Amino acid sequence: MSAIHNRLPVLAAEIRAAHDDVRRGALVVAERALSAGHALVEAKALVAHGEWAEWLAANAQFSERTARRYMTLARISHRV
């Protein structure tokens, strides 16, 4: 039974390391989502009126709905 208890410190270290990785990953995801949103806002301002959906389809590998989410996130971040 003591061998099982000896494993607990190892598991605790693994759990802490995994959690630290998740936190760092979440920060990277948030930063990249903001970056994409800001770039999309700028791109939309430069694309001719009525051509946004076509431009987005040709230049992004995600839906217009996802683009709107990124752009909303970027706009909200300016207000905070």
PDB file of N, CA and C in Angstrom:
ATOM      1  N   MET A   1       0.822  -1.197   0.000  1.00  0.00           N
ATOM      2  CA  MET A   1       0.000   0.000   0.000  1.00  0.00           C
ATOM      3  C   MET A   1       0.866   1.262   0.000  1.00  0.00           C
ATOM      4  N   SER A   2       2.030   1.223   0.584  1.00  0.00           N
ATOM      5  CA  SER A   2       2.879   2.415   0.625  1.00  0.00           C
ATOM      6  C   SER A   2       3.390   2.788  -0.755  1.00  0.00           C
ATOM      7  N   ALA A   3       3.525   1.801  -1.653  1.00  0.00           N
ATOM      8  CA  ALA A   3       3.930   2.104  -3.029  1.00  0.00           C
ATOM      9  C   ALA A   3       2.883   2.978  -3.707  1.00  0.00           C
ATOM     10  N   ILE A   4       1.634   2.737  -3.401  1.00  0.00           N
ATOM     11  CA  ILE A   4       0.550   3.547  -3.954  1.00  0.00           C
ATOM     12  C   ILE A   4       0.662   4.979  -3.438  1.00  0.00           C
ATOM     13  N   HIS A   5       0.911   5.120  -2.159  1.00  0.00           N
ATOM     14  CA  HIS A   5       1.039   6.452  -1.570  1.00  0.00           C
ATOM     15  C   HIS A   5       2.292   7.164  -2.061  1.00  0.00           C
ATOM     16  N   ASN A   6       3.335   6.415  -2.380  1.00  0.00           N
ATOM     17  CA  ASN A   6       4.552   7.022  -2.922  1.00  0.00           C
ATOM     18  C   ASN A   6       4.308   7.603  -4.309  1.00  0.00           C
ATOM     19  N   ARG A   7       3.311   7.110  -4.982  1.00  0.00           N
ATOM     20  CA  ARG A   7       2.975   7.600  -6.323  1.00  0.00           C
ATOM     21  C   ARG A   7       2.259   8.950  -6.254  1.00  0.00           C
ATOM     22  N   LEU A   8       1.637   9.260  -5.149  1.00  0.00           N
ATOM     23  CA  LEU A   8       0.869  10.499  -5.031  1.00  0.00           C
ATOM     24  C   LEU A   8       1.692  11.756  -5.277  1.00  0.00           C
ATOM     25  N   PRO A   9       2.897  11.901  -4.759  1.00  0.00           N
ATOM     26  CA  PRO A   9       3.684  13.098  -5.070  1.00  0.00           C
ATOM     27  C   PRO A   9       4.007  13.225  -6.561  1.00  0.00           C
ATOM     28  N   VAL A  10       4.243  12.086  -7.208  1.00  0.00           N
ATOM     29  CA  VAL A  10       4.511  12.093  -8.651  1.00  0.00           C
ATOM     30  C   VAL A  10       3.268  12.566  -9.405  1.00  0.00           C
ATOM     31  N   LEU A  11       2.128  12.015  -9.023  1.00  0.00           N
ATOM     32  CA  LEU A  11       0.872  12.425  -9.662  1.00  0.00           C
ATOM     33  C   LEU A  11       0.586  13.898  -9.420  1.00  0.00           C
ATOM     34  N   ALA A  12       0.835  14.372  -8.211  1.00  0.00           N
ATOM     35  CA  ALA A  12       0.606  15.784  -7.900  1.00  0.00           C
ATOM     36  C   ALA A  12       1.468  16.671  -8.782  1.00  0.00           C
ATOM     37  N   ALA A  13       2.723  16.289  -8.983  1.00  0.00           N
ATOM     38  CA  ALA A  13       3.623  17.065  -9.846  1.00  0.00           C
ATOM     39  C   ALA A  13       3.129  17.056 -11.285  1.00  0.00           C
ATOM     40  N   GLU A  14       2.671  15.897 -11.749  1.00  0.00           N
ATOM     41  CA  GLU A  14       2.138  15.798 -13.118  1.00  0.00           C
ATOM     42  C   GLU A  14       0.898  16.674 -13.281  1.00  0.00           C
ATOM     43  N   ILE A  15       0.045  16.663 -12.287  1.00  0.00           N
ATOM     44  CA  ILE A  15      -1.177  17.474 -12.324  1.00  0.00           C
ATOM     45  C   ILE A  15      -0.834  18.954 -12.366  1.00  0.00           C
ATOM     46  N   ARG A  16       0.090  19.388 -11.515  1.00  0.00           N
ATOM     47  CA  ARG A  16       0.494  20.801 -11.507  1.00  0.00           C
ATOM     48  C   ARG A  16       1.112  21.203 -12.842  1.00  0.00           C
ATOM     49  N   ALA A  17       1.968  20.347 -13.394  1.00  0.00           N
ATOM     50  CA  ALA A  17       2.603  20.653 -14.681  1.00  0.00           C
ATOM     51  C   ALA A  17       1.564  20.741 -15.792  1.00  0.00           C
ATOM     52  N   ALA A  18       0.623  19.818 -15.797  1.00  0.00           N
ATOM     53  CA  ALA A  18      -0.429  19.846 -16.817  1.00  0.00           C
ATOM     54  C   ALA A  18      -1.269  21.115 -16.690  1.00  0.00           C
ATOM     55  N   HIS A  19      -1.599  21.470 -15.470  1.00  0.00           N
ATOM     56  CA  HIS A  19      -2.397  22.673 -15.243  1.00  0.00           C
ATOM     57  C   HIS A  19      -1.631  23.922 -15.696  1.00  0.00           C
ATOM     58  N   ASP A  20      -0.358  23.989 -15.398  1.00  0.00           N
ATOM     59  CA  ASP A  20       0.456  25.123 -15.855  1.00  0.00           C
ATOM     60  C   ASP A  20       0.470  25.206 -17.378  1.00  0.00           C
ATOM     61  N   ASP A  21       0.587  24.056 -18.038  1.00  0.00           N
ATOM     62  CA  ASP A  21       0.550  24.033 -19.506  1.00  0.00           C
ATOM     63  C   ASP A  21      -0.784  24.534 -20.038  1.00  0.00           C
ATOM     64  N   VAL A  22      -1.871  24.116 -19.399  1.00  0.00           N
ATOM     65  CA  VAL A  22      -3.213  24.559 -19.813  1.00  0.00           C
ATOM     66  C   VAL A  22      -3.331  26.068 -19.665  1.00  0.00           C
ATOM     67  N   ARG A  23      -2.864  26.607 -18.538  1.00  0.00           N
ATOM     68  CA  ARG A  23      -2.942  28.050 -18.329  1.00  0.00           C
ATOM     69  C   ARG A  23      -2.138  28.808 -19.371  1.00  0.00           C
ATOM     70  N   ARG A  24      -0.921  28.356 -19.648  1.00  0.00           N
ATOM     71  CA  ARG A  24      -0.106  29.019 -20.679  1.00  0.00           C
ATOM     72  C   ARG A  24      -0.770  28.912 -22.052  1.00  0.00           C
ATOM     73  N   GLY A  25      -1.312  27.739 -22.343  1.00  0.00           N
ATOM     74  CA  GLY A  25      -2.002  27.552 -23.611  1.00  0.00           C
ATOM     75  C   GLY A  25      -3.213  28.451 -23.756  1.00  0.00           C
ATOM     76  N   ALA A  26      -3.954  28.609 -22.683  1.00  0.00           N
ATOM     77  CA  ALA A  26      -5.133  29.473 -22.714  1.00  0.00           C
ATOM     78  C   ALA A  26      -4.739  30.920 -22.983  1.00  0.00           C
ATOM     79  N   LEU A  27      -3.633  31.360 -22.399  1.00  0.00           N
ATOM     80  CA  LEU A  27      -3.160  32.726 -22.655  1.00  0.00           C
ATOM     81  C   LEU A  27      -2.766  32.910 -24.107  1.00  0.00           C
ATOM     82  N   VAL A  28      -2.095  31.914 -24.667  1.00  0.00           N
ATOM     83  CA  VAL A  28      -1.700  31.988 -26.081  1.00  0.00           C
ATOM     84  C   VAL A  28      -2.941  32.028 -26.962  1.00  0.00           C
ATOM     85  N   VAL A  29      -3.919  31.190 -26.665  1.00  0.00           N
ATOM     86  CA  VAL A  29      -5.166  31.170 -27.444  1.00  0.00           C
ATOM     87  C   VAL A  29      -5.848  32.531 -27.385  1.00  0.00           C
ATOM     88  N   ALA A  30      -5.946  33.101 -26.202  1.00  0.00           N
ATOM     89  CA  ALA A  30      -6.604  34.409 -26.056  1.00  0.00           C
ATOM     90  C   ALA A  30      -5.853  35.486 -26.830  1.00  0.00           C
ATOM     91  N   GLU A  31      -4.538  35.495 -26.726  1.00  0.00           N
ATOM     92  CA  GLU A  31      -3.740  36.491 -27.452  1.00  0.00           C
ATOM     93  C   GLU A  31      -3.900  36.343 -28.959  1.00  0.00           C
ATOM     94  N   ARG A  32      -3.895  35.121 -29.452  1.00  0.00           N
ATOM     95  CA  ARG A  32      -4.022  34.886 -30.900  1.00  0.00           C
ATOM     96  C   ARG A  32      -5.427  35.223 -31.388  1.00  0.00           C
ATOM     97  N   ALA A  33      -6.438  34.941 -30.579  1.00  0.00           N
ATOM     98  CA  ALA A  33      -7.814  35.289 -30.961  1.00  0.00           C
ATOM     99  C   ALA A  33      -7.956  36.803 -31.068  1.00  0.00           C
ATOM    100  N   LEU A  34      -7.380  37.532 -30.122  1.00  0.00           N
ATOM    101  CA  LEU A  34      -7.404  38.998 -30.194  1.00  0.00           C
ATOM    102  C   LEU A  34      -6.655  39.503 -31.422  1.00  0.00           C
ATOM    103  N   SER A  35      -5.514  38.916 -31.697  1.00  0.00           N
ATOM    104  CA  SER A  35      -4.727  39.313 -32.861  1.00  0.00           C
ATOM    105  C   SER A  35      -5.508  39.085 -34.157  1.00  0.00           C
ATOM    106  N   ALA A  36      -6.139  37.920 -34.252  1.00  0.00           N
ATOM    107  CA  ALA A  36      -6.962  37.632 -35.434  1.00  0.00           C
ATOM    108  C   ALA A  36      -8.107  38.621 -35.542  1.00  0.00           C
ATOM    109  N   GLY A  37      -8.733  38.918 -34.425  1.00  0.00           N
ATOM    110  CA  GLY A  37      -9.858  39.856 -34.436  1.00  0.00           C
ATOM    111  C   GLY A  37      -9.455  41.242 -34.896  1.00  0.00           C
ATOM    112  N   HIS A  38      -8.333  41.730 -34.376  1.00  0.00           N
ATOM    113  CA  HIS A  38      -7.867  43.062 -34.779  1.00  0.00           C
ATOM    114  C   HIS A  38      -7.526  43.088 -36.277  1.00  0.00           C
ATOM    115  N   ALA A  39      -6.874  42.038 -36.752  1.00  0.00           N
ATOM    116  CA  ALA A  39      -6.531  41.971 -38.180  1.00  0.00           C
ATOM    117  C   ALA A  39      -7.785  41.896 -39.041  1.00  0.00           C
ATOM    118  N   LEU A  40      -8.781  41.156 -38.597  1.00  0.00           N
ATOM    119  CA  LEU A  40     -10.037  41.057 -39.343  1.00  0.00           C
ATOM    120  C   LEU A  40     -10.764  42.395 -39.385  1.00  0.00           C
ATOM    121  N   VAL A  41     -10.790  43.107 -38.275  1.00  0.00           N
ATOM    122  CA  VAL A  41     -11.428  44.429 -38.240  1.00  0.00           C
ATOM    123  C   VAL A  41     -10.741  45.346 -39.246  1.00  0.00           C
ATOM    124  N   GLU A  42      -9.420  45.323 -39.247  1.00  0.00           N
ATOM    125  CA  GLU A  42      -8.673  46.169 -40.187  1.00  0.00           C
ATOM    126  C   GLU A  42      -8.924  45.744 -41.628  1.00  0.00           C
ATOM    127  N   ALA A  43      -8.904  44.444 -41.877  1.00  0.00           N
ATOM    128  CA  ALA A  43      -9.138  43.944 -43.242  1.00  0.00           C
ATOM    129  C   ALA A  43     -10.527  44.333 -43.732  1.00  0.00           C
ATOM    130  N   LYS A  44     -11.524  44.189 -42.877  1.00  0.00           N
ATOM    131  CA  LYS A  44     -12.889  44.520 -43.296  1.00  0.00           C
ATOM    132  C   LYS A  44     -13.003  45.992 -43.670  1.00  0.00           C
ATOM    133  N   ALA A  45     -12.285  46.835 -42.957  1.00  0.00           N
ATOM    134  CA  ALA A  45     -12.318  48.267 -43.274  1.00  0.00           C
ATOM    135  C   ALA A  45     -11.676  48.557 -44.629  1.00  0.00           C
ATOM    136  N   LEU A  46     -10.778  47.695 -45.063  1.00  0.00           N
ATOM    137  CA  LEU A  46     -10.071  47.913 -46.326  1.00  0.00           C
ATOM    138  C   LEU A  46     -10.739  47.260 -47.529  1.00  0.00           C
ATOM    139  N   VAL A  47     -11.583  46.267 -47.272  1.00  0.00           N
ATOM    140  CA  VAL A  47     -12.261  45.560 -48.364  1.00  0.00           C
ATOM    141  C   VAL A  47     -13.422  46.428 -48.860  1.00  0.00           C
ATOM    142  N   ALA A  48     -13.614  46.449 -50.157  1.00  0.00           N
ATOM    143  CA  ALA A  48     -14.696  47.238 -50.749  1.00  0.00           C
ATOM    144  C   ALA A  48     -16.051  46.785 -50.210  1.00  0.00           C
ATOM    145  N   HIS A  49     -16.960  47.739 -50.102  1.00  0.00           N
ATOM    146  CA  HIS A  49     -18.301  47.471 -49.598  1.00  0.00           C
ATOM    147  C   HIS A  49     -18.942  46.329 -50.386  1.00  0.00           C
ATOM    148  N   GLY A  50     -19.518  45.381 -49.662  1.00  0.00           N
ATOM    149  CA  GLY A  50     -20.218  44.273 -50.301  1.00  0.00           C
ATOM    150  C   GLY A  50     -19.327  43.112 -50.704  1.00  0.00           C
ATOM    151  N   GLU A  51     -18.024  43.219 -50.496  1.00  0.00           N
ATOM    152  CA  GLU A  51     -17.101  42.166 -50.920  1.00  0.00           C
ATOM    153  C   GLU A  51     -16.485  41.402 -49.755  1.00  0.00           C
ATOM    154  N   TRP A  52     -16.913  41.716 -48.541  1.00  0.00           N
ATOM    155  CA  TRP A  52     -16.313  41.106 -47.356  1.00  0.00           C
ATOM    156  C   TRP A  52     -16.448  39.587 -47.347  1.00  0.00           C
ATOM    157  N   ALA A  53     -17.645  39.073 -47.538  1.00  0.00           N
ATOM    158  CA  ALA A  53     -17.868  37.623 -47.469  1.00  0.00           C
ATOM    159  C   ALA A  53     -17.009  36.894 -48.492  1.00  0.00           C
ATOM    160  N   GLU A  54     -16.929  37.443 -49.685  1.00  0.00           N
ATOM    161  CA  GLU A  54     -16.120  36.823 -50.730  1.00  0.00           C
ATOM    162  C   GLU A  54     -14.636  36.873 -50.370  1.00  0.00           C
ATOM    163  N   TRP A  55     -14.183  38.019 -49.881  1.00  0.00           N
ATOM    164  CA  TRP A  55     -12.781  38.150 -49.492  1.00  0.00           C
ATOM    165  C   TRP A  55     -12.441  37.179 -48.367  1.00  0.00           C
ATOM    166  N   LEU A  56     -13.322  37.103 -47.390  1.00  0.00           N
ATOM    167  CA  LEU A  56     -13.099  36.224 -46.246  1.00  0.00           C
ATOM    168  C   LEU A  56     -13.038  34.763 -46.690  1.00  0.00           C
ATOM    169  N   ALA A  57     -13.957  34.364 -47.544  1.00  0.00           N
ATOM    170  CA  ALA A  57     -13.972  32.983 -48.030  1.00  0.00           C
ATOM    171  C   ALA A  57     -12.690  32.643 -48.776  1.00  0.00           C
ATOM    172  N   ALA A  58     -12.156  33.604 -49.505  1.00  0.00           N
ATOM    173  CA  ALA A  58     -10.940  33.364 -50.294  1.00  0.00           C
ATOM    174  C   ALA A  58      -9.672  33.427 -49.449  1.00  0.00           C
ATOM    175  N   ASN A  59      -9.729  34.087 -48.302  1.00  0.00           N
ATOM    176  CA  ASN A  59      -8.503  34.350 -47.552  1.00  0.00           C
ATOM    177  C   ASN A  59      -8.456  33.772 -46.141  1.00  0.00           C
ATOM    178  N   ALA A  60      -9.546  33.287 -45.633  1.00  0.00           N
ATOM    179  CA  ALA A  60      -9.573  32.708 -44.289  1.00  0.00           C
ATOM    180  C   ALA A  60     -10.011  31.252 -44.389  1.00  0.00           C
ATOM    181  N   GLN A  61      -9.591  30.481 -43.460  1.00  0.00           N
ATOM    182  CA  GLN A  61      -9.963  29.064 -43.455  1.00  0.00           C
ATOM    183  C   GLN A  61     -10.985  28.783 -42.364  1.00  0.00           C
ATOM    184  N   PHE A  62     -11.884  29.730 -42.156  1.00  0.00           N
ATOM    185  CA  PHE A  62     -12.940  29.576 -41.169  1.00  0.00           C
ATOM    186  C   PHE A  62     -14.149  30.364 -41.619  1.00  0.00           C
ATOM    187  N   SER A  63     -15.242  30.162 -40.928  1.00  0.00           N
ATOM    188  CA  SER A  63     -16.517  30.743 -41.345  1.00  0.00           C
ATOM    189  C   SER A  63     -16.613  32.231 -41.017  1.00  0.00           C
ATOM    190  N   GLU A  64     -17.582  32.859 -41.642  1.00  0.00           N
ATOM    191  CA  GLU A  64     -17.861  34.264 -41.356  1.00  0.00           C
ATOM    192  C   GLU A  64     -18.333  34.417 -39.900  1.00  0.00           C
ATOM    193  N   ARG A  65     -19.011  33.421 -39.407  1.00  0.00           N
ATOM    194  CA  ARG A  65     -19.458  33.455 -38.016  1.00  0.00           C
ATOM    195  C   ARG A  65     -18.253  33.490 -37.062  1.00  0.00           C
ATOM    196  N   THR A  66     -17.257  32.677 -37.348  1.00  0.00           N
ATOM    197  CA  THR A  66     -16.039  32.688 -36.532  1.00  0.00           C
ATOM    198  C   THR A  66     -15.344  34.035 -36.644  1.00  0.00           C
ATOM    199  N   ALA A  67     -15.301  34.591 -37.839  1.00  0.00           N
ATOM    200  CA  ALA A  67     -14.696  35.914 -38.028  1.00  0.00           C
ATOM    201  C   ALA A  67     -15.426  36.956 -37.186  1.00  0.00           C
ATOM    202  N   ARG A  68     -16.749  36.899 -37.189  1.00  0.00           N
ATOM    203  CA  ARG A  68     -17.520  37.852 -36.371  1.00  0.00           C
ATOM    204  C   ARG A  68     -17.195  37.706 -34.895  1.00  0.00           C
ATOM    205  N   ARG A  69     -17.008  36.480 -34.450  1.00  0.00           N
ATOM    206  CA  ARG A  69     -16.661  36.259 -33.035  1.00  0.00           C
ATOM    207  C   ARG A  69     -15.299  36.873 -32.705  1.00  0.00           C
ATOM    208  N   TYR A  70     -14.322  36.639 -33.563  1.00  0.00           N
ATOM    209  CA  TYR A  70     -12.997  37.231 -33.348  1.00  0.00           C
ATOM    210  C   TYR A  70     -13.077  38.755 -33.341  1.00  0.00           C
ATOM    211  N   MET A  71     -13.819  39.302 -34.279  1.00  0.00           N
ATOM    212  CA  MET A  71     -13.937  40.756 -34.386  1.00  0.00           C
ATOM    213  C   MET A  71     -14.652  41.343 -33.168  1.00  0.00           C
ATOM    214  N   THR A  72     -15.679  40.654 -32.691  1.00  0.00           N
ATOM    215  CA  THR A  72     -16.373  41.117 -31.491  1.00  0.00           C
ATOM    216  C   THR A  72     -15.434  41.120 -30.297  1.00  0.00           C
ATOM    217  N   LEU A  73     -14.658  40.075 -30.162  1.00  0.00           N
ATOM    218  CA  LEU A  73     -13.681  39.990 -29.078  1.00  0.00           C
ATOM    219  C   LEU A  73     -12.685  41.154 -29.148  1.00  0.00           C
ATOM    220  N   ALA A  74     -12.221  41.445 -30.352  1.00  0.00           N
ATOM    221  CA  ALA A  74     -11.271  42.556 -30.520  1.00  0.00           C
ATOM    222  C   ALA A  74     -11.909  43.895 -30.159  1.00  0.00           C
ATOM    223  N   ARG A  75     -13.138  44.089 -30.581  1.00  0.00           N
ATOM    224  CA  ARG A  75     -13.816  45.355 -30.274  1.00  0.00           C
ATOM    225  C   ARG A  75     -14.077  45.499 -28.781  1.00  0.00           C
ATOM    226  N   ILE A  76     -14.486  44.419 -28.152  1.00  0.00           N
ATOM    227  CA  ILE A  76     -14.734  44.453 -26.711  1.00  0.00           C
ATOM    228  C   ILE A  76     -13.439  44.746 -25.955  1.00  0.00           C
ATOM    229  N   SER A  77     -12.348  44.195 -26.423  1.00  0.00           N
ATOM    230  CA  SER A  77     -11.066  44.393 -25.724  1.00  0.00           C
ATOM    231  C   SER A  77     -10.644  45.855 -25.732  1.00  0.00           C
ATOM    232  N   HIS A  78     -11.075  46.619 -26.736  1.00  0.00           N
ATOM    233  CA  HIS A  78     -10.748  48.044 -26.774  1.00  0.00           C
ATOM    234  C   HIS A  78     -11.543  48.835 -25.756  1.00  0.00           C
ATOM    235  N   ARG A  79     -12.713  48.333 -25.390  1.00  0.00           N
ATOM    236  CA  ARG A  79     -13.586  49.021 -24.460  1.00  0.00           C
ATOM    237  C   ARG A  79     -13.176  48.815 -23.013  1.00  0.00           C
ATOM    238  N   VAL A  80     -12.466  47.744 -22.749  1.00  0.00           N
ATOM    239  CA  VAL A  80     -12.107  47.396 -21.368  1.00  0.00           C
ATOM    240  C   VAL A  80     -10.956  48.214 -20.872  1.00  0.00           C
TER     241      VAL A  80
END
